[in-house]
Amino acid sequence: MGQIINTKELIDLLLDLAKFEHLLKDRLTEIVHRKSKVWKEDKKRIEYCLFEVSEFFAGNRDWAGKQDQPDMAEYFKKFLGAIEKFEYKR
């Protein structure tokens, strides 16, 4: 009686699958390690931009005409404070 499954082909498939699994694990590990660095860089950039926007609405920056909107300045300062509290956790 013939075999339903070719043993050699099954072993080759399992070996290829193991190689793929190893490669996938390595790539995902690399992404997770890089994510922390990217998060910190993006967080600093966002903090700077929000600070500049809050300064603009406070009347301390003149980008295209003076703005004096203390409520908007306070809003962006609070938003900046919330961003500063964010932490990247794995």
Protein backbone atom coordinates (compact mmCIF):
# COMPACT_ATOMS: atom_id res chain seq x y z
CA MET A 1 0.00 0.00 0.00
CA GLY A 2 1.36 3.48 -0.96
CA GLN A 3 2.04 6.32 1.44
CA ILE A 4 -0.37 9.23 1.50
CA ILE A 5 2.40 11.61 2.58
CA ASN A 6 5.88 11.68 1.10
CA THR A 7 8.19 11.57 4.15
CA LYS A 8 11.07 13.42 2.46
CA GLU A 9 8.81 16.25 1.31
CA LEU A 10 7.29 16.53 4.78
CA ILE A 11 10.73 16.75 6.38
CA ASP A 12 11.82 19.38 3.83
CA LEU A 13 8.68 21.39 4.54
CA LEU A 14 9.27 21.22 8.31
CA LEU A 15 12.90 22.31 7.88
CA ASP A 16 11.87 25.23 5.67
CA LEU A 17 9.21 26.16 8.20
CA ALA A 18 11.77 26.10 11.03
CA LYS A 19 14.09 28.38 9.01
CA PHE A 20 11.23 30.78 8.36
CA GLU A 21 10.21 30.76 12.01
CA HIS A 22 13.79 31.57 13.07
CA LEU A 23 14.04 34.40 10.53
CA LEU A 24 10.66 35.82 11.58
CA LYS A 25 11.62 35.70 15.27
CA ASP A 26 14.89 37.53 14.55
CA ARG A 27 13.12 40.26 12.56
CA LEU A 28 10.42 40.78 15.18
CA THR A 29 13.04 40.96 17.94
CA GLU A 30 14.94 43.58 15.94
CA ILE A 31 11.76 45.63 15.45
CA VAL A 32 10.94 45.52 19.17
CA HIS A 33 14.45 46.67 20.11
CA ARG A 34 14.34 49.54 17.61
CA LYS A 35 10.84 50.57 18.70
CA SER A 36 12.07 51.99 21.99
CA LYS A 37 14.61 54.24 20.26
CA VAL A 38 12.07 55.43 17.70
CA TRP A 39 9.54 56.11 20.48
CA LYS A 40 12.02 58.27 22.42
CA GLU A 41 13.01 60.27 19.32
CA ASP A 42 9.40 60.84 18.26
CA LYS A 43 8.39 61.78 21.80
CA LYS A 44 11.11 64.46 21.98
CA ARG A 45 10.06 65.87 18.61
CA ILE A 46 6.38 65.99 19.66
CA GLU A 47 7.28 67.65 22.97
CA TYR A 48 9.27 70.33 21.13
CA CYS A 49 6.47 70.98 18.63
CA LEU A 50 3.80 71.20 21.34
CA PHE A 51 5.99 73.57 23.35
CA GLU A 52 6.41 75.79 20.29
CA VAL A 53 2.66 75.80 19.61
CA SER A 54 1.88 76.67 23.23
CA GLU A 55 4.45 79.49 23.08
CA PHE A 56 2.85 80.76 19.87
CA PHE A 57 -0.59 80.92 21.45
CA ALA A 58 0.89 82.53 24.54
CA GLY A 59 2.15 85.34 22.28
CA ASN A 60 5.82 84.44 22.69
CA ARG A 61 6.37 83.34 19.06
CA ASP A 62 5.65 85.37 15.94
CA TRP A 63 5.30 82.91 13.09
CA ALA A 64 2.86 84.83 10.91
CA GLY A 65 1.42 87.54 13.05
CA LYS A 66 1.12 87.82 16.80
CA GLN A 67 -1.40 85.56 18.51
CA ASP A 68 -2.50 86.02 22.08
CA GLN A 69 -4.85 83.22 23.07
CA PRO A 70 -4.04 82.18 26.62
CA ASP A 71 -6.67 79.42 26.62
CA MET A 72 -5.03 77.76 23.60
CA ALA A 73 -1.59 78.25 25.14
CA GLU A 74 -2.75 76.55 28.34
CA TYR A 75 -4.39 73.72 26.38
CA PHE A 76 -1.16 72.91 24.53
CA LYS A 77 0.90 73.18 27.72
CA LYS A 78 -1.41 70.63 29.36
CA PHE A 79 -1.19 68.43 26.27
CA LEU A 80 2.60 68.69 26.40
CA GLY A 81 2.52 67.67 30.06
CA ALA A 82 0.49 64.59 29.17
CA ILE A 83 2.94 63.63 26.40
CA GLU A 84 5.91 64.05 28.76
CA LYS A 85 4.36 61.48 31.12
CA PHE A 86 4.12 58.81 28.42
CA GLU A 87 6.61 55.97 28.79
CA TYR A 88 7.47 53.23 26.37
CA LYS A 89 7.02 49.85 28.02
CA ARG A 90 7.59 46.45 26.54
